[in-house]
N, C-alpha and C. Protein backbone atom coordinates (compact mmCIF):
# COMPACT_ATOMS: atom_id res chain seq x y z
N MET A 1 25.12 74.33 26.88
CA MET A 1 24.90 73.09 26.49
C MET A 1 23.68 72.17 26.66
N LYS A 2 22.84 71.52 25.73
CA LYS A 2 21.91 71.04 25.97
C LYS A 2 21.83 69.78 26.44
N GLY A 3 20.81 68.94 27.25
CA GLY A 3 20.75 68.04 27.85
C GLY A 3 20.58 67.01 26.84
N LYS A 4 21.00 65.72 26.98
CA LYS A 4 20.66 64.45 26.59
C LYS A 4 19.49 64.26 26.20
N ARG A 5 18.96 63.85 24.97
CA ARG A 5 17.76 63.48 24.48
C ARG A 5 17.48 62.06 24.75
N SER A 6 16.26 61.50 25.25
CA SER A 6 15.91 60.29 25.69
C SER A 6 15.08 59.65 24.48
N GLN A 7 15.85 59.26 23.34
CA GLN A 7 15.28 58.76 21.95
C GLN A 7 13.86 59.06 22.05
N GLY A 8 13.20 60.39 22.08
CA GLY A 8 12.02 60.68 21.77
C GLY A 8 10.84 60.32 23.09
N ARG A 9 11.47 59.98 24.07
CA ARG A 9 10.44 59.58 25.04
C ARG A 9 10.11 60.87 25.78
N SER A 10 8.96 60.87 26.20
CA SER A 10 8.50 62.25 27.01
C SER A 10 9.18 62.32 28.50
N LEU A 11 9.13 63.30 28.91
CA LEU A 11 9.63 63.33 30.22
C LEU A 11 9.20 62.52 31.26
N LYS A 12 7.69 62.51 31.23
CA LYS A 12 7.06 61.46 31.98
C LYS A 12 7.10 60.44 31.78
N ALA A 13 7.27 59.62 30.51
CA ALA A 13 7.73 58.53 30.31
C ALA A 13 9.27 57.88 30.73
N GLN A 14 10.04 59.14 30.56
CA GLN A 14 11.30 58.84 31.18
C GLN A 14 11.36 58.56 32.69
N LYS A 15 10.30 59.32 33.48
CA LYS A 15 10.48 59.41 34.95
C LYS A 15 9.63 57.99 35.53
N LYS A 16 8.76 57.26 34.70
CA LYS A 16 7.96 56.29 34.92
C LYS A 16 8.12 55.24 34.35
N ALA A 17 9.35 54.88 33.74
CA ALA A 17 9.49 53.84 32.68
C ALA A 17 9.18 52.40 33.49
N ALA A 18 8.46 51.45 32.95
CA ALA A 18 7.89 50.31 33.43
C ALA A 18 9.00 49.15 33.30
N VAL A 19 8.85 48.15 34.03
CA VAL A 19 9.60 46.88 33.91
C VAL A 19 8.72 45.99 33.27
N ARG A 20 9.15 45.13 32.27
CA ARG A 20 8.28 44.06 31.56
C ARG A 20 8.69 42.77 32.21
N ALA A 21 7.60 42.09 32.62
CA ALA A 21 8.11 40.59 32.98
C ALA A 21 7.45 39.75 32.16
N SER A 22 7.61 38.43 32.15
CA SER A 22 6.83 37.36 31.69
C SER A 22 6.47 36.56 32.90
N ILE A 23 4.91 36.20 32.66
CA ILE A 23 4.55 35.40 33.57
C ILE A 23 3.83 34.13 33.03
N THR A 24 3.98 33.27 33.78
CA THR A 24 3.00 31.84 33.08
C THR A 24 2.07 31.57 34.29
N PHE A 25 0.67 31.45 33.71
CA PHE A 25 -0.05 31.34 34.48
C PHE A 25 -0.81 29.80 34.01
N PRO A 26 -1.33 28.97 34.94
CA PRO A 26 -2.01 27.65 34.78
C PRO A 26 -3.26 28.32 33.68
N PRO A 27 -3.75 27.23 32.96
CA PRO A 27 -4.57 27.68 31.83
C PRO A 27 -5.98 28.29 32.53
N ASP A 28 -6.66 27.69 33.69
CA ASP A 28 -7.82 28.06 34.42
C ASP A 28 -7.55 29.37 34.85
N LEU A 29 -6.57 29.87 35.41
CA LEU A 29 -6.27 31.11 35.92
C LEU A 29 -6.13 32.35 34.82
N TYR A 30 -5.61 31.75 33.97
CA TYR A 30 -5.42 32.60 32.64
C TYR A 30 -6.99 33.04 32.08
N GLU A 31 -7.67 31.98 31.97
CA GLU A 31 -8.92 32.26 31.28
C GLU A 31 -9.65 33.04 32.31
N ALA A 32 -9.80 33.13 33.43
CA ALA A 32 -10.70 33.72 34.55
C ALA A 32 -10.08 35.19 34.34
N LEU A 33 -8.56 35.53 34.31
CA LEU A 33 -7.99 36.68 34.09
C LEU A 33 -8.64 37.34 32.68
N GLU A 34 -8.59 36.56 31.79
CA GLU A 34 -9.25 37.09 30.43
C GLU A 34 -10.75 37.30 30.51
N LYS A 35 -11.09 36.74 31.12
CA LYS A 35 -13.06 37.01 31.44
C LYS A 35 -12.95 38.01 32.07
N THR A 36 -12.30 38.22 33.11
CA THR A 36 -12.41 39.42 33.96
C THR A 36 -12.04 40.80 33.10
N ALA A 37 -10.98 40.58 32.48
CA ALA A 37 -10.76 41.87 31.56
C ALA A 37 -11.76 42.11 30.65
N GLN A 38 -12.20 41.07 29.97
CA GLN A 38 -13.48 41.61 29.33
C GLN A 38 -14.66 42.24 29.94
N GLN A 39 -15.15 41.66 30.82
CA GLN A 39 -16.03 42.32 31.68
C GLN A 39 -15.70 43.62 32.02
N LYS A 40 -14.45 44.03 32.58
CA LYS A 40 -14.30 45.23 32.60
C LYS A 40 -13.82 46.14 31.65
N LYS A 41 -13.95 45.56 30.22
CA LYS A 41 -13.28 46.31 29.32
C LYS A 41 -11.81 46.97 29.46
N VAL A 42 -10.99 46.24 29.94
CA VAL A 42 -9.47 46.76 30.27
C VAL A 42 -8.55 45.54 29.45
N SER A 43 -7.55 45.53 29.44
CA SER A 43 -6.42 44.54 29.07
C SER A 43 -6.11 43.39 30.00
N LEU A 44 -5.65 42.60 29.91
CA LEU A 44 -5.48 41.50 30.74
C LEU A 44 -4.26 42.10 31.94
N ALA A 45 -3.50 42.74 30.89
CA ALA A 45 -2.18 43.43 31.78
C ALA A 45 -2.76 44.19 32.80
N TRP A 46 -3.68 44.95 32.36
CA TRP A 46 -4.13 45.91 33.76
C TRP A 46 -4.83 45.09 34.70
N VAL A 47 -5.32 43.96 34.64
CA VAL A 47 -6.06 43.10 35.33
C VAL A 47 -4.87 42.55 36.47
N VAL A 48 -3.67 42.08 35.72
CA VAL A 48 -2.79 41.64 36.46
C VAL A 48 -2.19 42.83 37.27
N ARG A 49 -1.85 44.03 36.68
CA ARG A 49 -0.91 44.89 37.60
C ARG A 49 -2.08 45.40 38.79
N ASP A 50 -3.26 45.50 38.25
CA ASP A 50 -4.22 45.89 39.71
C ASP A 50 -4.20 44.78 40.86
N ALA A 51 -4.12 43.51 40.41
CA ALA A 51 -4.18 42.65 40.99
C ALA A 51 -2.95 42.61 42.01
N ALA A 52 -1.77 42.72 41.13
CA ALA A 52 -0.28 42.74 41.87
C ALA A 52 -0.31 44.08 42.84
N GLU A 53 -0.98 45.06 42.37
CA GLU A 53 -1.04 46.29 43.40
C GLU A 53 -1.73 46.10 44.47
N LYS A 54 -2.89 45.64 44.62
CA LYS A 54 -3.80 45.30 45.81
C LYS A 54 -2.99 44.40 46.63
N TYR A 55 -2.66 43.23 45.97
CA TYR A 55 -1.75 42.06 46.73
C TYR A 55 -0.53 42.96 47.42
N VAL A 56 0.49 43.81 46.81
CA VAL A 56 1.38 44.33 47.92
C VAL A 56 0.65 45.29 48.63
N ALA A 57 -0.27 46.07 48.30
CA ALA A 57 -0.94 47.01 49.77
C ALA A 57 -1.56 46.15 50.75
N ARG A 58 -1.94 44.92 50.42
CA ARG A 58 -2.71 44.08 51.41
C ARG A 58 -1.71 43.64 52.38
N THR A 59 -0.38 43.02 51.73
CA THR A 59 0.36 42.33 52.53
C THR A 59 1.49 43.38 53.23
N ASP A 60 1.49 44.66 52.80
CA ASP A 60 2.35 45.53 53.37
C ASP A 60 3.81 45.31 53.02
N VAL A 61 4.08 44.80 51.94
CA VAL A 61 5.41 44.60 51.41
C VAL A 61 5.85 45.66 50.86
N GLY A 62 5.01 46.29 50.19
CA GLY A 62 5.50 47.56 49.25
C GLY A 62 6.68 48.24 49.47
N GLU A 63 6.97 49.36 49.74
CA GLU A 63 8.60 50.07 49.54
C GLU A 63 9.20 49.96 51.22
N ASN A 64 8.24 49.47 52.23
CA ASN A 64 8.75 49.28 53.40
C ASN A 64 9.26 47.85 53.77
N GLY A 65 9.16 47.03 52.91
CA GLY A 65 9.57 45.71 52.99
C GLY A 65 11.00 45.31 52.25
């Protein structure tokens, strides 16, 4: 018997499904994030994820909190 197919997603995508969040920023912070993304040649979402990961690591909240 074959296993269930996951609507065309790869095995890697199935294991690492992301959670989508909607976030509201003050205009000045949003502009700073956009500028940072442009300078680094990455997406604004990447900048926000990177900052969030660094914040969690720094505050030691991660999986242990």
